[in-house]
N, C-alpha and C. Protein backbone atom coordinates (compact mmCIF):
# COMPACT_ATOMS: atom_id res chain seq x y z
N UNK A 1 34.59 -15.99 143.54
CA UNK A 1 35.59 -16.23 142.77
C UNK A 1 36.30 -17.56 143.47
N UNK A 2 36.79 -18.06 144.80
CA UNK A 2 37.22 -19.15 145.64
C UNK A 2 36.00 -20.65 145.80
N UNK A 3 34.35 -19.75 145.34
CA UNK A 3 33.42 -20.54 144.86
C UNK A 3 33.74 -20.50 142.83
N UNK A 4 34.43 -20.79 142.67
CA UNK A 4 34.31 -20.63 141.35
C UNK A 4 36.05 -21.53 141.40
N UNK A 5 36.12 -22.00 141.99
CA UNK A 5 37.73 -22.27 141.83
C UNK A 5 37.57 -24.26 142.38
N UNK A 6 36.49 -24.57 143.04
CA UNK A 6 35.53 -25.90 143.70
C UNK A 6 37.19 -26.28 144.81
N UNK A 7 37.59 -25.87 145.51
CA UNK A 7 38.83 -26.48 146.32
C UNK A 7 38.55 -27.53 146.83
N UNK A 8 39.44 -28.47 147.34
CA UNK A 8 39.25 -30.12 147.49
C UNK A 8 40.91 -29.62 148.60
N UNK A 9 40.52 -30.88 149.17
CA UNK A 9 41.94 -31.20 150.45
C UNK A 9 42.28 -31.25 149.80
N UNK A 10 43.82 -30.99 149.89
CA UNK A 10 45.18 -31.26 149.40
C UNK A 10 45.85 -31.22 147.66
N UNK A 11 44.97 -29.86 147.26
CA UNK A 11 45.06 -29.03 146.20
C UNK A 11 46.41 -28.30 146.24
N UNK A 12 47.11 -28.34 145.14
CA UNK A 12 48.22 -27.65 144.98
C UNK A 12 47.74 -26.38 143.98
N UNK A 13 48.13 -25.54 145.14
CA UNK A 13 47.09 -24.40 144.00
C UNK A 13 48.06 -22.95 143.94
N UNK A 14 47.95 -21.85 142.67
CA UNK A 14 48.84 -20.44 142.82
C UNK A 14 47.05 -19.71 143.07
N UNK A 15 48.20 -18.57 143.90
CA UNK A 15 47.06 -17.33 144.17
C UNK A 15 48.23 -16.09 143.00
N UNK A 16 48.07 -16.02 142.45
CA UNK A 16 48.86 -14.28 141.34
C UNK A 16 47.77 -12.94 141.82
N UNK A 17 49.06 -12.24 142.98
CA UNK A 17 48.07 -11.00 143.72
C UNK A 17 48.01 -11.37 144.16
N UNK A 18 48.96 -11.55 145.18
CA UNK A 18 48.41 -12.21 147.01
C UNK A 18 48.27 -11.21 147.83
N UNK A 19 48.57 -10.45 147.60
CA UNK A 19 48.49 -9.18 148.23
C UNK A 19 48.77 -8.76 149.54
N UNK A 20 47.48 -8.95 151.04
CA UNK A 20 47.67 -9.44 151.97
C UNK A 20 47.75 -10.74 152.35
N UNK A 21 48.18 -10.97 151.22
CA UNK A 21 47.87 -12.92 151.40
C UNK A 21 46.68 -13.58 152.24
N UNK A 22 45.61 -12.56 152.51
CA UNK A 22 44.03 -12.64 152.89
C UNK A 22 43.10 -13.56 152.05
N UNK A 23 43.65 -13.84 150.93
CA UNK A 23 42.76 -15.02 150.37
C UNK A 23 43.93 -16.23 149.61
N UNK A 24 45.28 -16.41 149.96
CA UNK A 24 46.52 -16.59 150.20
C UNK A 24 45.76 -17.38 151.41
N UNK A 25 45.22 -17.75 152.74
CA UNK A 25 45.32 -18.45 153.74
C UNK A 25 44.01 -18.64 153.74
N UNK A 26 42.61 -17.52 153.37
CA UNK A 26 41.41 -18.65 152.63
C UNK A 26 42.14 -20.09 152.10
N UNK A 27 42.53 -19.69 150.91
CA UNK A 27 42.96 -21.07 150.30
C UNK A 27 43.57 -22.28 151.09
N UNK A 28 44.28 -21.45 151.83
CA UNK A 28 45.56 -22.93 152.55
C UNK A 28 44.61 -23.75 153.65
N UNK A 29 43.19 -22.88 154.24
CA UNK A 29 42.56 -23.23 155.11
C UNK A 29 41.70 -24.82 154.45
N UNK A 30 41.19 -24.25 153.48
CA UNK A 30 40.20 -24.98 152.35
C UNK A 30 40.34 -25.65 152.04
N UNK A 31 41.76 -25.84 151.63
CA UNK A 31 43.02 -27.53 150.96
C UNK A 31 43.31 -27.86 152.29
N UNK A 32 43.84 -27.20 152.72
CA UNK A 32 44.17 -27.87 154.40
C UNK A 32 45.24 -28.02 154.31
N UNK A 33 46.10 -29.06 155.74
CA UNK A 33 47.22 -29.49 156.01
C UNK A 33 48.16 -30.07 155.32
N UNK A 34 47.17 -31.01 154.09
CA UNK A 34 47.60 -31.57 153.55
C UNK A 34 48.26 -30.62 151.46
N UNK A 35 47.85 -29.94 151.79
CA UNK A 35 47.54 -28.92 150.03
C UNK A 35 48.38 -28.02 150.45
N UNK A 36 49.46 -27.43 149.50
CA UNK A 36 50.23 -26.33 148.80
C UNK A 36 49.66 -24.95 148.75
N UNK A 37 49.65 -23.79 148.91
CA UNK A 37 49.29 -22.64 148.63
C UNK A 37 50.73 -21.58 148.73
N UNK A 38 50.94 -21.17 146.88
CA UNK A 38 51.92 -20.86 146.78
C UNK A 38 51.11 -19.06 145.81
N UNK A 39 51.74 -17.56 147.14
CA UNK A 39 51.27 -16.29 146.56
C UNK A 39 51.86 -16.05 146.31
N UNK A 40 51.74 -15.01 144.93
CA UNK A 40 52.65 -14.61 144.32
C UNK A 40 52.07 -12.76 144.04
N UNK A 41 52.89 -12.37 144.30
CA UNK A 41 52.85 -10.99 144.57
C UNK A 41 53.78 -9.76 143.87
N UNK A 42 53.62 -9.22 143.29
CA UNK A 42 54.58 -7.85 142.27
C UNK A 42 54.71 -6.34 143.64
N UNK A 43 54.46 -6.59 143.73
CA UNK A 43 54.92 -5.48 144.91
C UNK A 43 55.51 -5.43 146.29
N UNK A 44 56.99 -5.83 146.33
CA UNK A 44 57.68 -5.48 148.19
C UNK A 44 57.28 -5.66 149.26
N UNK A 45 56.17 -4.46 148.95
CA UNK A 45 55.38 -4.23 150.70
C UNK A 45 54.64 -4.92 150.37
N UNK A 46 53.92 -4.85 150.00
CA UNK A 46 52.49 -6.36 150.38
C UNK A 46 52.84 -7.27 150.36
N UNK A 47 54.59 -7.97 149.86
CA UNK A 47 54.95 -9.41 149.40
C UNK A 47 55.31 -9.55 151.12
N UNK A 48 55.85 -8.87 151.99
CA UNK A 48 56.49 -8.53 153.20
C UNK A 48 55.09 -8.71 153.78
N UNK A 49 53.69 -7.57 153.75
CA UNK A 49 52.81 -7.45 154.22
C UNK A 49 52.05 -8.70 154.83
N UNK A 50 51.66 -9.72 153.02
CA UNK A 50 51.35 -11.23 153.33
C UNK A 50 51.50 -11.98 153.76
N UNK A 51 53.20 -11.42 154.55
CA UNK A 51 54.36 -13.27 154.54
C UNK A 51 53.87 -12.82 156.40
N UNK A 52 54.07 -11.83 157.03
CA UNK A 52 53.82 -10.77 157.39
C UNK A 52 52.10 -11.78 158.64
N UNK A 53 51.57 -11.84 157.90
CA UNK A 53 49.88 -12.21 157.71
C UNK A 53 49.64 -13.60 157.78
N UNK A 54 50.03 -13.75 157.10
CA UNK A 54 50.61 -15.77 156.60
C UNK A 54 50.94 -15.98 158.21
N UNK A 55 52.02 -15.57 158.74
CA UNK A 55 52.90 -15.45 159.94
C UNK A 55 51.58 -15.66 160.64
N UNK A 56 50.51 -15.03 161.26
CA UNK A 56 50.48 -14.73 161.63
C UNK A 56 49.45 -16.59 162.35
N UNK A 57 48.98 -17.35 161.39
CA UNK A 57 48.32 -18.31 161.11
C UNK A 57 49.39 -19.28 161.67
N UNK A 58 51.04 -19.05 161.38
CA UNK A 58 51.89 -21.08 161.24
C UNK A 58 51.22 -21.92 160.61
N UNK A 59 50.52 -21.56 158.90
CA UNK A 59 50.58 -22.76 158.84
C UNK A 59 51.81 -23.32 157.56
N UNK A 60 51.72 -24.32 157.26
CA UNK A 60 52.71 -24.96 156.62
C UNK A 60 52.05 -24.92 155.20
N UNK A 61 53.32 -25.66 154.75
CA UNK A 61 53.22 -25.23 152.42
C UNK A 61 52.48 -23.89 152.30
N UNK A 62 51.99 -22.96 153.13
CA UNK A 62 51.50 -21.66 152.72
C UNK A 62 52.97 -20.33 152.26
N UNK A 63 52.99 -20.54 151.55
CA UNK A 63 54.17 -19.27 151.58
C UNK A 63 53.95 -17.82 150.69
N UNK A 64 53.98 -17.13 150.47
CA UNK A 64 54.00 -15.48 149.26
C UNK A 64 55.63 -16.12 148.39
N UNK A 65 55.83 -14.93 147.59
CA UNK A 65 56.89 -14.99 146.66
C UNK A 65 57.04 -14.08 146.13
N UNK A 66 57.77 -13.31 145.92
CA UNK A 66 57.98 -12.37 145.31
C UNK A 66 58.08 -12.27 144.24
N UNK A 67 57.33 -11.58 142.58
CA UNK A 67 56.56 -12.04 141.03
C UNK A 67 58.82 -11.24 140.48
N UNK A 68 58.43 -12.66 139.67
CA UNK A 68 59.67 -11.95 138.84
C UNK A 68 59.57 -11.18 137.52
N UNK A 69 60.21 -10.01 137.50
CA UNK A 69 59.56 -8.97 136.13
C UNK A 69 59.86 -9.89 135.55
N UNK A 70 58.80 -9.53 134.31
CA UNK A 70 58.58 -10.10 132.90
C UNK A 70 58.52 -11.53 133.24
N UNK A 71 58.05 -12.29 133.91
CA UNK A 71 57.88 -13.88 134.51
C UNK A 71 56.06 -13.95 134.97
N UNK A 72 55.19 -14.87 134.55
CA UNK A 72 53.88 -14.85 135.04
C UNK A 72 53.56 -16.23 135.27
N UNK A 73 53.28 -15.70 136.11
CA UNK A 73 52.78 -16.90 137.42
C UNK A 73 53.90 -17.82 138.26
N UNK A 74 54.59 -18.63 138.91
CA UNK A 74 55.65 -18.94 138.99
C UNK A 74 55.32 -20.56 139.11
N UNK A 75 56.03 -20.92 137.57
CA UNK A 75 56.66 -22.72 136.78
C UNK A 75 57.47 -23.36 137.69
N UNK A 76 58.35 -23.03 138.89
CA UNK A 76 58.99 -23.32 139.12
C UNK A 76 58.51 -24.66 140.90
N UNK A 77 57.24 -24.21 141.37
CA UNK A 77 56.14 -25.18 141.83
C UNK A 77 55.63 -25.55 141.42
N UNK A 78 55.30 -25.36 139.93
CA UNK A 78 53.52 -25.93 139.26
C UNK A 78 53.75 -27.09 139.00
N UNK A 79 53.08 -28.03 137.77
CA UNK A 79 51.90 -27.67 137.27
C UNK A 79 50.32 -27.47 138.97
N UNK A 80 50.74 -26.45 138.38
CA UNK A 80 49.33 -26.51 139.82
C UNK A 80 47.59 -27.39 139.11
N UNK A 81 46.71 -27.82 140.23
CA UNK A 81 45.01 -27.88 140.42
C UNK A 81 44.53 -26.39 140.26
N UNK A 82 45.12 -25.27 140.79
CA UNK A 82 43.64 -24.14 140.65
C UNK A 82 44.67 -23.74 140.58
N UNK A 83 44.73 -22.26 139.74
CA UNK A 83 44.97 -21.27 139.77
C UNK A 83 44.18 -20.07 140.30
N UNK A 84 44.39 -18.70 140.79
CA UNK A 84 43.31 -17.77 141.17
C UNK A 84 44.09 -16.71 140.69
N UNK A 85 43.74 -15.70 140.00
CA UNK A 85 44.60 -14.68 139.33
C UNK A 85 43.48 -13.39 139.86
N UNK A 86 44.25 -11.68 140.23
CA UNK A 86 43.62 -11.21 141.65
C UNK A 86 43.63 -10.22 140.57
N UNK A 87 43.93 -10.01 139.59
CA UNK A 87 44.32 -8.31 138.51
C UNK A 87 44.12 -8.44 137.06
N UNK A 88 43.27 -8.13 136.50
CA UNK A 88 43.29 -8.17 134.61
C UNK A 88 43.49 -7.97 134.12
N UNK A 89 44.03 -8.85 133.40
CA UNK A 89 44.38 -9.59 132.29
C UNK A 89 43.76 -9.51 130.41
N UNK A 90 44.51 -8.27 129.79
CA UNK A 90 42.95 -7.96 128.66
C UNK A 90 43.28 -9.14 127.66
N UNK A 91 43.35 -10.48 127.69
CA UNK A 91 43.54 -12.01 126.96
C UNK A 91 42.99 -13.01 128.06
N UNK A 92 43.39 -14.31 127.78
CA UNK A 92 43.51 -15.02 128.79
C UNK A 92 45.46 -15.42 128.83
N UNK A 93 45.65 -15.69 130.30
CA UNK A 93 47.00 -16.02 130.54
C UNK A 93 46.80 -17.47 130.58
N UNK A 94 47.95 -17.05 129.03
CA UNK A 94 48.92 -18.77 127.88
C UNK A 94 49.44 -19.13 128.96
N UNK A 95 50.50 -17.93 129.87
CA UNK A 95 51.30 -18.74 130.51
C UNK A 95 51.35 -19.57 131.76
N UNK A 96 49.72 -18.87 132.22
CA UNK A 96 49.31 -19.51 132.72
C UNK A 96 48.90 -20.54 132.82
N UNK A 97 47.85 -20.99 131.71
CA UNK A 97 46.88 -22.19 132.06
C UNK A 97 48.47 -23.37 131.00
N UNK A 98 49.41 -22.69 130.65
CA UNK A 98 50.80 -24.00 130.71
C UNK A 98 51.10 -24.40 131.92
N UNK A 99 50.79 -23.70 133.51
CA UNK A 99 51.50 -23.52 134.71
C UNK A 99 50.11 -24.88 135.34
N UNK A 100 48.92 -25.04 134.89
CA UNK A 100 47.37 -25.56 134.93
C UNK A 100 47.74 -27.62 134.87
N UNK A 101 47.22 -28.12 135.97
CA UNK A 101 47.52 -29.70 135.46
C UNK A 101 46.30 -29.34 134.58
N UNK A 102 46.34 -31.03 133.75
CA UNK A 102 44.85 -31.22 133.03
C UNK A 102 43.42 -31.57 134.18
N UNK A 103 42.56 -31.46 133.86
CA UNK A 103 41.75 -31.20 134.60
C UNK A 103 42.21 -29.78 136.24
N UNK A 104 42.48 -29.18 135.86
CA UNK A 104 42.92 -27.87 136.50
C UNK A 104 42.13 -26.98 136.73
N UNK A 105 41.94 -25.99 137.35
CA UNK A 105 41.03 -24.98 137.08
C UNK A 105 41.21 -23.60 137.35
N UNK A 106 41.15 -22.92 136.82
CA UNK A 106 41.73 -21.09 136.88
C UNK A 106 40.59 -20.47 137.02
N UNK A 107 40.42 -19.33 136.84
CA UNK A 107 39.70 -18.17 137.94
C UNK A 107 40.72 -16.42 137.50
N UNK A 108 40.09 -16.06 136.64
CA UNK A 108 41.67 -14.62 136.00
C UNK A 108 40.25 -13.47 135.66
N UNK A 109 40.46 -12.66 135.85
CA UNK A 109 39.75 -11.06 135.78
C UNK A 109 40.69 -10.97 134.19
N UNK A 110 39.57 -11.11 132.97
CA UNK A 110 39.58 -11.02 131.85
C UNK A 110 39.68 -9.88 131.39
N UNK A 111 39.63 -8.57 130.76
CA UNK A 111 38.82 -7.44 130.74
C UNK A 111 37.83 -7.20 131.53
N UNK A 112 36.43 -7.01 131.39
CA UNK A 112 35.36 -7.12 132.88
C UNK A 112 35.24 -8.17 132.89
N UNK A 113 34.88 -9.26 132.49
CA UNK A 113 34.11 -10.63 132.74
C UNK A 113 35.55 -11.48 133.85
N UNK A 114 35.14 -11.92 135.01
CA UNK A 114 35.19 -12.60 135.77
C UNK A 114 35.30 -13.76 135.10
N UNK A 115 36.98 -15.12 134.07
CA UNK A 115 36.50 -15.99 133.43
C UNK A 115 36.80 -17.19 134.36
N UNK A 116 36.10 -18.14 133.88
CA UNK A 116 36.48 -19.62 134.66
C UNK A 116 37.44 -20.75 133.69
N UNK A 117 38.47 -20.92 133.56
CA UNK A 117 38.29 -21.91 132.92
C UNK A 117 39.09 -23.28 133.11
N UNK A 118 38.78 -24.25 132.74
CA UNK A 118 38.78 -25.42 133.01
C UNK A 118 40.05 -26.44 131.32
N UNK A 119 40.51 -26.43 132.24
CA UNK A 119 41.42 -27.68 131.41
C UNK A 119 40.89 -28.93 131.58
N UNK A 120 41.45 -28.65 129.53
CA UNK A 120 39.60 -30.82 130.14
C UNK A 120 41.07 -31.62 129.78
N UNK A 121 42.14 -30.52 129.04
CA UNK A 121 43.04 -31.88 128.93
C UNK A 121 44.44 -30.71 128.58
N UNK A 122 45.53 -31.17 127.80
CA UNK A 122 46.52 -30.63 127.81
C UNK A 122 46.28 -29.70 126.48
N UNK A 123 45.66 -29.82 125.53
CA UNK A 123 45.12 -29.33 124.22
C UNK A 123 43.93 -28.53 124.70
N UNK A 124 42.69 -29.19 125.38
CA UNK A 124 41.39 -28.54 125.38
C UNK A 124 41.12 -27.72 126.47
N UNK A 125 40.29 -26.58 126.67
CA UNK A 125 40.23 -25.64 127.61
C UNK A 125 38.26 -25.48 127.78
N UNK A 126 37.73 -25.17 128.93
CA UNK A 126 37.11 -24.85 128.39
C UNK A 126 36.02 -23.30 129.21
N UNK A 127 36.17 -22.39 128.72
CA UNK A 127 35.46 -21.30 129.20
C UNK A 127 34.54 -20.83 130.22
N UNK A 128 33.90 -19.94 131.10
CA UNK A 128 32.57 -19.58 131.21
C UNK A 128 32.98 -18.48 132.10
N UNK A 129 32.03 -17.53 131.22
CA UNK A 129 33.16 -15.80 131.79
C UNK A 129 31.45 -14.91 132.86
N UNK A 130 31.40 -14.12 133.59
CA UNK A 130 30.98 -13.82 135.02
C UNK A 130 30.84 -12.53 134.69
N UNK A 131 30.60 -11.36 133.51
CA UNK A 131 30.57 -9.77 133.21
C UNK A 131 30.35 -9.57 134.33
N UNK A 132 30.98 -7.95 134.51
CA UNK A 132 30.70 -7.41 135.43
C UNK A 132 31.66 -6.76 136.09
N UNK A 133 32.33 -6.95 136.37
CA UNK A 133 33.49 -7.10 137.35
C UNK A 133 34.45 -6.23 137.08
N UNK A 134 35.44 -5.08 137.45
CA UNK A 134 36.04 -4.72 136.99
C UNK A 134 38.06 -4.63 138.41
N UNK A 135 39.05 -4.95 137.73
CA UNK A 135 40.29 -5.06 138.91
C UNK A 135 41.71 -4.39 138.10
N UNK A 136 42.01 -3.89 139.15
CA UNK A 136 43.34 -3.59 138.82
C UNK A 136 44.27 -4.46 138.13
N UNK A 137 44.65 -3.60 136.67
CA UNK A 137 45.39 -4.88 135.84
C UNK A 137 46.59 -5.70 135.89
N UNK A 138 46.74 -6.41 135.97
CA UNK A 138 48.45 -7.49 135.94
C UNK A 138 48.92 -7.16 135.36
N UNK A 139 50.31 -6.44 135.98
CA UNK A 139 51.21 -6.86 136.19
C UNK A 139 52.13 -7.29 135.65
N UNK A 140 52.75 -7.67 134.88
CA UNK A 140 54.06 -9.05 133.86
C UNK A 140 55.55 -8.36 134.26
């Protein structure tokens, strides 16, 4: 999934379903000190666990936030160059596409596939699917 994101130094990235903070840390390492990474997690115990894990590396511009009930994503810090979603959705999450910059990429599990969604412009997206994957359901 990280390869599909095509991460580059200096990008702003949203990590939805950050869990232990592992992917947030990996992304932060790839985008470097000039990049920004915002992890988002629904489970309070995982928010604290992820924050503690990130704290071991003294990363600047990498944080994990508690997801707000009924809100998908973190629009306050957007728009994002890249969005990684680590829980399955039944359909392409339009709320997250709105938080993606034109030219940005989102990688998200939708039903039993991983989708790479490229936002070509504000009105045009391109999808590429990779089947045969299963994830826990995304809680909004």
